Structure formats: C-alpha cells, structure tokens
Amino acid sequence: MVGLYLVGPSLLVHGTEDQKKRWLEPIADGSAIWCQMFSEPSAGSDLANVATRACRDAAGWLLSGQKVWTSRAAYATWGMCLARTDPEVPKHHGLTMFVVKMDAPGVIIRPLRQMNGDMHFSEVFLEDVRVSDADRVGEVGEGWQVALTVLANERSGMPGDGRPARPVGARTDAPAWLAELAADGALGDDVLRDRAIQVYVSECVADLTEARAVANARAGHAPGPEGSGQKLRAAAVFRQRAELIKDARGLDGLLSTTPGHIEYLTAPSMSIRGGTDEIQRTVIGERILGLEREPRLDRDPPWSRSRRGS
C-alpha cells in the first residue's frame, strides 16, 4: 500500500522518466514492496528536523543516520528516504529525497514489537549507505516539496483506518462488524445500538470523503490540505469502532481472545501514525480556515543552529 498510495503517485509528479520506467510497474504488480523512511527519534511531528545526512562524492551519495517507525521496512525492497544535504540553510530547504535499496550494504533493520503483538514498524540505521544520483527524486534541496506530496497522498488517498477502499454506492448491507454485533444480540441495548449507528454513519461519511478524494485525483487535482480532515475522521472512526466492539462484549471484552482485541490495541496508534491528530488540526486551521500561523523561531535560521534551540 505504501507503493500504491504514497510512492507511486509521488513519482508521477517528481520522478524522472527513467525512475518511472524502473519503479512504477513493479509497484503496480506487487513485485516490489516499498517503505517510507521519514520519521526519526528527533523528527516526528517536526519532520523537517531530520538529521540523517547525505554527503555527495564522485560516485554519488553516502547516507548516514537513523529512521524510526518505518512501516514494512523488514520486508521492503525499496525505501523512500528524506535526508539532509545542506545543514547551513533553513531546515526546510536543506533536504533531498532519495530511494534506498533496503538490502544495500550499511542498511540495518530492527523490527519494533507493538503492544498489539505486531512487528509492522521498524527502526532503520543507515551506515554510509551508497546511493546513486540516479536514485535521487527531485532536485537537490527540494526534498521538502517531495515529502509534502508523499504526505498529501498518504492523508488523501490511502484508506486511513485499515479497511480496503470501497466505491460510492457499493455498500448495500450492514458492514460485517455491525452484522456480527446484531447477530450476537449486543444491539438489544439501547445505548450500544445508538453508539453503533453513530459509528456506522461516521464510517459512511469517511467512505464518501475518501471517494471524493479519489474522484478529484482522477480529475487531475493534486491532493491538498483537505486530506488532513480525512485522516482525522478515519482515525476517529477506527478508535470508536474498536471501543464499541470491546464494550459490546461486556466483561468478556476484557479477554484477549474476544473478537476485536487486536483492533482495540491498535486503535491508539491511528491518531499518531501518518501525522498526529494535533498536526492535522494545525494544517486545517492554518491552510483551510486561514487562522494565524503559530509563531516559529526555527524556520529562518540555518538548521545547524536551529536544531540546538538557538
């Protein structure tokens, strides 16, 4: 899904013809799995603070640094990696995007076990990893623009709550989770039934919002800040549905063997992964509602100085 929803559409915008020929078909047919190496221990919500360095030499680039929360890194073929190529300019301007072969010498991948038992995320260490200049996406110093395209695609086009996308009008029956609650008799309780219908309506709204994003993309419109609204809605729906299914089981809902347990443990992460809820609300406030931007003292100084808090 990272290749189909994030990397592929971004390569269509920023990739060279050679890169499109090399990478798009394997993305489309599933023969190459991709991951996205953006976040770092000191660069999560403040993504532009990335410290992974890319140094140029006669043979291309050498990348060194650490990434974290990299989805699917443990079995990915390629990784799209945001790195700093110039520390002496403001932090948003000194970044460049690269594509890294995940089995290249110097790439060390350590899966991270989550509280739901999954090992979906990994931390990735880059130790003088050789990258050809032909695997640089976009111009040197324009990595932030490429990253924004990737993030916009993530928030607008990728099913944010873990369910496969459905076309408008495809739903004619109750979703499986609602039908199962009804079959178990859980909806005989007036309060639970009311909660279930609220979740169902919110889920339908999320589907329609996602369908609108798909229609806009097919019409040639680039994804924009409105994707943050979809990201917020999808995360909320996932959490509300997981909590409802647990609560509907009564005391049995405390057991790890009951249906929906994994989703319940996964739900808190939905408000963090792909950009926190707080970041999405800031995007909506500043870029859609036109509210005054928060004061920033680290936007103009060189990154080498601003990272020290000066």
Protein backbone atom coordinates (compact mmCIF):
# COMPACT_ATOMS: atom_id res chain seq x y z
CA MET A 1 0.00 0.00 0.00
CA VAL A 2 2.92 2.37 0.60
CA GLY A 3 3.97 1.88 -3.01
CA LEU A 4 0.50 2.17 -4.48
CA TYR A 5 -0.87 5.05 -2.43
CA LEU A 6 2.23 7.07 -1.47
CA VAL A 7 5.28 6.41 -3.60
CA GLY A 8 3.71 5.71 -6.99
CA PRO A 9 1.61 8.91 -7.18
CA SER A 10 4.57 10.94 -5.90
CA LEU A 11 6.89 9.51 -8.56
CA LEU A 12 4.38 10.55 -11.21
CA VAL A 13 4.86 14.12 -10.03
CA HIS A 14 8.56 14.27 -9.14
CA GLY A 15 10.20 11.24 -10.75
CA THR A 16 12.27 11.22 -13.92
CA GLU A 17 11.17 9.16 -16.91
CA ASP A 18 13.86 6.61 -16.09
CA GLN A 19 12.63 6.33 -12.50
CA LYS A 20 9.05 5.85 -13.63
CA LYS A 21 10.10 3.09 -16.03
CA ARG A 22 12.15 1.33 -13.34
CA TRP A 23 9.79 1.57 -10.38
CA LEU A 24 6.14 2.09 -11.34
CA GLU A 25 5.44 -1.28 -12.93
CA PRO A 26 6.92 -3.29 -10.01
CA ILE A 27 4.82 -1.14 -7.67
CA ALA A 28 1.68 -1.82 -9.68
CA ASP A 29 2.16 -5.59 -10.00
CA GLY A 30 3.29 -6.03 -6.38
CA SER A 31 6.72 -7.43 -7.17
CA ALA A 32 8.42 -4.63 -5.22
CA ILE A 33 7.37 -3.57 -1.72
CA TRP A 34 8.19 -0.03 -0.62
CA CYS A 35 8.62 1.71 2.71
CA GLN A 36 8.79 5.36 3.68
CA MET A 37 11.80 6.47 5.73
CA PHE A 38 10.78 9.87 7.08
CA SER A 39 10.44 9.89 10.88
CA GLU A 40 13.46 9.96 13.20
CA PRO A 41 13.87 9.96 17.00
CA SER A 42 14.09 13.78 16.92
CA ALA A 43 11.96 14.36 13.83
CA GLY A 44 8.43 13.06 14.14
CA SER A 45 5.79 15.76 14.05
CA ASP A 46 8.61 18.21 13.25
CA LEU A 47 9.58 16.25 10.18
CA ALA A 48 11.77 19.00 8.71
CA ASN A 49 14.18 18.46 11.61
CA VAL A 50 15.54 15.23 10.11
CA ALA A 51 19.23 14.70 10.83
CA THR A 52 20.04 11.80 8.50
CA ARG A 53 22.89 13.15 6.35
CA ALA A 54 23.54 12.65 2.65
CA CYS A 55 27.05 13.60 1.56
CA ARG A 56 27.92 13.82 -2.11
CA ASP A 57 31.08 12.42 -3.68
CA ALA A 58 32.25 11.46 -7.17
CA ALA A 59 30.32 8.15 -7.07
CA GLY A 60 27.02 9.55 -5.84
CA TRP A 61 25.85 9.89 -2.23
CA LEU A 62 26.58 8.37 1.17
CA LEU A 63 23.66 8.30 3.62
CA SER A 64 24.13 8.01 7.39
CA GLY A 65 21.56 8.31 10.16
CA GLN A 66 18.62 6.65 11.90
CA LYS A 67 14.97 6.33 10.94
CA VAL A 68 12.17 5.02 13.13
CA TRP A 69 8.52 3.88 12.80
CA THR A 70 9.25 2.74 9.23
CA SER A 71 6.28 0.67 8.10
CA ARG A 72 7.10 -2.58 6.27
CA ALA A 73 10.84 -1.93 6.33
CA ALA A 74 11.57 -5.52 7.39
CA TYR A 75 10.40 -6.90 4.05
CA ALA A 76 10.55 -3.87 1.73
CA THR A 77 12.57 -3.86 -1.49
CA TRP A 78 12.97 -0.08 -1.71
CA GLY A 79 12.66 2.81 0.72
CA MET A 80 11.95 6.47 0.01
CA CYS A 81 14.31 8.33 2.34
CA LEU A 82 14.35 12.01 3.32
CA ALA A 83 17.87 13.19 4.16
CA ARG A 84 19.70 16.42 4.86
CA THR A 85 22.12 17.55 2.17
CA ASP A 86 22.83 21.07 3.47
CA PRO A 87 22.81 21.84 7.20
CA GLU A 88 23.75 25.51 6.67
CA VAL A 89 20.41 26.62 5.22
CA PRO A 90 16.97 26.77 6.93
CA LYS A 91 15.76 23.30 7.77
CA HIS A 92 13.03 23.08 5.11
CA HIS A 93 15.46 24.00 2.32
CA GLY A 94 18.37 21.65 3.03
CA LEU A 95 16.55 18.37 2.41
CA THR A 96 16.71 15.97 -0.54
CA MET A 97 14.71 12.81 -1.28
CA PHE A 98 16.45 9.54 -2.15
CA VAL A 99 15.46 5.98 -2.91
CA VAL A 100 17.42 3.35 -0.98
CA LYS A 101 17.71 -0.38 -1.74
CA MET A 102 16.75 -1.94 1.57
CA ASP A 103 19.27 -4.78 1.28
CA ALA A 104 22.15 -2.44 0.40
CA PRO A 105 25.35 -2.67 2.48
CA GLY A 106 25.04 -0.47 5.57
CA VAL A 107 21.25 -0.75 5.93
CA ILE A 108 20.37 -2.27 9.33
CA ILE A 109 16.70 -3.01 10.07
CA ARG A 110 15.40 -3.78 13.56
CA PRO A 111 11.66 -4.54 13.85
CA LEU A 112 9.79 -2.95 16.76
CA ARG A 113 7.17 -5.05 18.55
CA GLN A 114 3.98 -3.12 19.27
CA MET A 115 1.60 -3.71 22.16
CA ASN A 116 -0.81 -5.48 19.78
CA GLY A 117 1.92 -8.06 19.09
CA ASP A 118 2.55 -6.87 15.54
CA MET A 119 6.01 -6.03 14.18
CA HIS A 120 4.73 -3.70 11.48
CA PHE A 121 7.21 -0.92 12.27
CA SER A 122 11.00 -0.97 12.30
CA GLU A 123 13.88 1.29 13.14
CA VAL A 124 16.40 1.60 10.34
CA PHE A 125 20.06 2.52 10.69
CA LEU A 126 21.96 3.83 7.69
CA GLU A 127 25.74 3.49 7.92
CA ASP A 128 27.44 5.06 4.87
CA VAL A 129 24.85 3.60 2.52
CA ARG A 130 25.81 4.17 -1.11
CA VAL A 131 23.04 5.70 -3.26
CA SER A 132 23.38 6.58 -6.93
CA ASP A 133 22.45 10.08 -8.02
CA ALA A 134 20.06 8.39 -10.45
CA ASP A 135 18.08 7.34 -7.36
CA ARG A 136 17.59 10.92 -6.17
CA VAL A 137 13.94 12.03 -6.52
CA GLY A 138 13.57 15.72 -7.31
CA GLU A 139 16.26 18.35 -7.24
CA VAL A 140 18.89 18.67 -4.53
CA GLY A 141 17.44 20.79 -1.73
CA GLU A 142 13.82 20.23 -2.81
CA GLY A 143 13.16 17.17 -0.69
CA TRP A 144 10.61 19.00 1.43
CA GLN A 145 8.39 19.58 -1.62
CA VAL A 146 8.62 15.88 -2.50
CA ALA A 147 7.84 14.94 1.12
CA LEU A 148 4.75 17.17 1.12
CA THR A 149 3.48 15.38 -1.98
CA VAL A 150 4.01 11.99 -0.32
CA LEU A 151 2.23 13.13 2.86
CA ALA A 152 -0.67 14.65 0.91
CA ASN A 153 -1.15 11.36 -0.93
CA GLU A 154 -0.98 9.47 2.36
CA ARG A 155 -3.68 11.56 4.00
CA SER A 156 -5.97 11.91 1.00
CA GLY A 157 -5.79 8.65 -0.90
CA MET A 158 -4.76 5.87 1.45
CA PRO A 159 -7.52 4.13 3.46
CA GLY A 160 -6.65 5.57 6.83
CA ASP A 161 -8.45 3.13 9.10
CA GLY A 162 -7.12 -0.14 7.78
CA ARG A 163 -10.12 -1.08 5.62
CA PRO A 164 -9.95 -1.52 1.83
CA ALA A 165 -11.39 1.39 -0.13
CA ARG A 166 -14.97 0.96 -1.39
CA PRO A 167 -16.54 2.78 -4.33
CA VAL A 168 -19.52 5.02 -3.62
CA GLY A 169 -22.77 3.07 -3.61
CA ALA A 170 -21.08 -0.31 -3.06
CA ARG A 171 -22.47 -0.72 0.45
CA THR A 172 -25.97 -2.20 0.33
CA ASP A 173 -25.84 -4.27 3.54
CA ALA A 174 -24.63 -3.62 7.05
CA PRO A 175 -20.84 -3.89 7.42
CA ALA A 176 -19.56 -7.16 8.86
CA TRP A 177 -18.76 -5.71 12.31
CA LEU A 178 -22.30 -4.32 12.68
CA ALA A 179 -23.93 -7.52 11.45
CA GLU A 180 -21.88 -9.56 13.93
CA LEU A 181 -22.93 -7.34 16.83
CA ALA A 182 -26.57 -7.70 15.79
CA ALA A 183 -26.25 -11.50 15.48
CA ASP A 184 -24.74 -11.68 18.98
CA GLY A 185 -27.64 -9.73 20.42
CA ALA A 186 -25.41 -6.86 21.53
CA LEU A 187 -27.61 -4.26 19.86
CA GLY A 188 -30.53 -5.03 22.13
CA ASP A 189 -29.08 -2.45 24.48
CA ASP A 190 -30.42 1.00 23.51
CA VAL A 191 -27.18 2.84 24.35
CA LEU A 192 -24.96 0.41 22.46
CA ARG A 193 -27.32 0.45 19.48
CA ASP A 194 -27.19 4.25 19.39
CA ARG A 195 -23.38 4.19 19.55
CA ALA A 196 -23.23 1.58 16.80
CA ILE A 197 -25.34 3.67 14.43
CA GLN A 198 -23.23 6.75 15.14
CA VAL A 199 -20.09 4.79 14.26
CA TYR A 200 -21.76 3.40 11.15
CA VAL A 201 -22.76 6.88 9.96
CA SER A 202 -19.25 8.20 10.62
CA GLU A 203 -17.83 5.27 8.66
CA CYS A 204 -20.10 6.09 5.71
CA VAL A 205 -19.01 9.74 5.82
CA ALA A 206 -15.36 8.63 5.81
CA ASP A 207 -16.06 6.42 2.78
CA LEU A 208 -17.69 9.29 0.90
CA THR A 209 -14.84 11.67 1.77
CA GLU A 210 -12.34 9.10 0.55
CA ALA A 211 -14.33 8.62 -2.66
CA ARG A 212 -14.30 12.37 -3.26
CA ALA A 213 -10.51 12.40 -2.91
CA VAL A 214 -10.26 9.58 -5.46
CA ALA A 215 -12.56 11.43 -7.87
CA ASN A 216 -10.51 14.62 -7.50
CA ALA A 217 -7.31 12.68 -8.23
CA ARG A 218 -8.82 11.14 -11.35
CA ALA A 219 -9.85 14.62 -12.45
CA GLY A 220 -6.23 15.72 -12.25
CA HIS A 221 -6.38 17.66 -8.98
CA ALA A 222 -3.37 17.32 -6.69
CA PRO A 223 -4.21 16.29 -3.10
CA GLY A 224 -4.22 19.21 -0.69
CA PRO A 225 -4.69 20.05 2.98
CA GLU A 226 -8.22 18.68 2.99
CA GLY A 227 -6.62 15.25 3.37
CA SER A 228 -5.92 16.15 6.99
CA GLY A 229 -9.67 16.15 7.61
CA GLN A 230 -9.95 12.67 6.17
CA LYS A 231 -7.02 11.48 8.28
CA LEU A 232 -8.67 12.81 11.46
CA ARG A 233 -12.01 11.26 10.57
CA ALA A 234 -10.57 7.86 9.68
CA ALA A 235 -8.55 7.65 12.91
CA ALA A 236 -11.59 8.60 14.99
CA VAL A 237 -13.81 6.03 13.27
CA PHE A 238 -11.25 3.25 13.80
CA ARG A 239 -10.98 4.09 17.50
CA GLN A 240 -14.75 4.43 18.05
CA ARG A 241 -15.48 1.15 16.28
CA ALA A 242 -12.80 -0.74 18.23
CA GLU A 243 -14.02 0.60 21.58
CA LEU A 244 -17.65 -0.18 20.71
CA ILE A 245 -16.91 -3.78 19.77
CA LYS A 246 -15.00 -4.29 23.03
CA ASP A 247 -17.70 -2.67 25.16
CA ALA A 248 -20.42 -4.72 23.48
CA ARG A 249 -18.82 -7.91 24.80
CA GLY A 250 -19.30 -6.87 28.41
CA LEU A 251 -16.86 -8.49 30.83
CA ASP A 252 -15.74 -10.87 28.07
CA GLY A 253 -14.38 -7.81 26.30
CA LEU A 254 -11.55 -7.76 28.84
CA LEU A 255 -10.23 -11.05 27.43
CA SER A 256 -7.57 -11.06 24.74
CA THR A 257 -9.41 -13.88 22.95
CA THR A 258 -12.53 -11.87 22.17
CA PRO A 259 -13.13 -10.51 18.65
CA GLY A 260 -11.74 -7.04 18.08
CA HIS A 261 -8.95 -7.30 20.67
CA ILE A 262 -6.15 -6.62 18.18
CA GLU A 263 -8.05 -3.67 16.71
CA TYR A 264 -8.59 -2.28 20.21
CA LEU A 265 -4.86 -2.38 20.95
CA THR A 266 -4.11 -0.90 17.53
CA ALA A 267 -6.58 1.99 17.82
CA PRO A 268 -4.38 4.43 19.84
CA SER A 269 -1.73 4.35 17.13
CA MET A 270 -4.16 5.56 14.46
CA SER A 271 -4.02 9.07 15.94
CA ILE A 272 -0.21 9.08 15.73
CA ARG A 273 0.82 7.25 12.57
CA GLY A 274 0.90 9.25 9.34
CA GLY A 275 0.95 12.52 11.28
CA THR A 276 -0.57 13.14 14.70
CA ASP A 277 -4.09 14.46 15.21
CA GLU A 278 -2.56 17.68 16.51
CA ILE A 279 -0.60 18.20 13.29
CA GLN A 280 -3.71 17.54 11.20
CA ARG A 281 -5.69 20.14 13.18
CA THR A 282 -2.88 22.66 12.72
CA VAL A 283 -2.93 22.06 8.95
CA ILE A 284 -6.70 22.51 8.84
CA GLY A 285 -6.57 25.67 10.95
CA GLU A 286 -3.77 27.36 9.04
CA ARG A 287 -4.25 26.16 5.46
CA ILE A 288 -8.03 25.74 5.22
CA LEU A 289 -9.57 28.02 7.85
CA GLY A 290 -6.92 30.70 7.36
CA LEU A 291 -6.16 31.08 11.05
CA GLU A 292 -2.99 32.86 12.11
CA ARG A 293 0.05 30.61 11.99
CA GLU A 294 1.74 29.59 15.21
CA PRO A 295 4.93 31.54 15.93
CA ARG A 296 8.03 29.72 14.64
CA LEU A 297 11.55 30.72 15.63
CA ASP A 298 13.27 27.84 13.83
CA ARG A 299 12.06 28.45 10.27
CA ASP A 300 14.64 31.01 9.10
CA PRO A 301 17.97 30.25 10.89
CA PRO A 302 20.27 27.58 9.42
CA TRP A 303 19.38 24.09 10.60
CA SER A 304 22.83 23.69 12.16
CA ARG A 305 21.86 26.46 14.58
CA SER A 306 18.11 25.99 14.97
CA ARG A 307 18.44 22.29 15.94
CA ARG A 308 20.29 23.40 19.06
CA GLY A 309 17.32 25.54 20.07
CA SER A 310 19.13 28.80 19.47
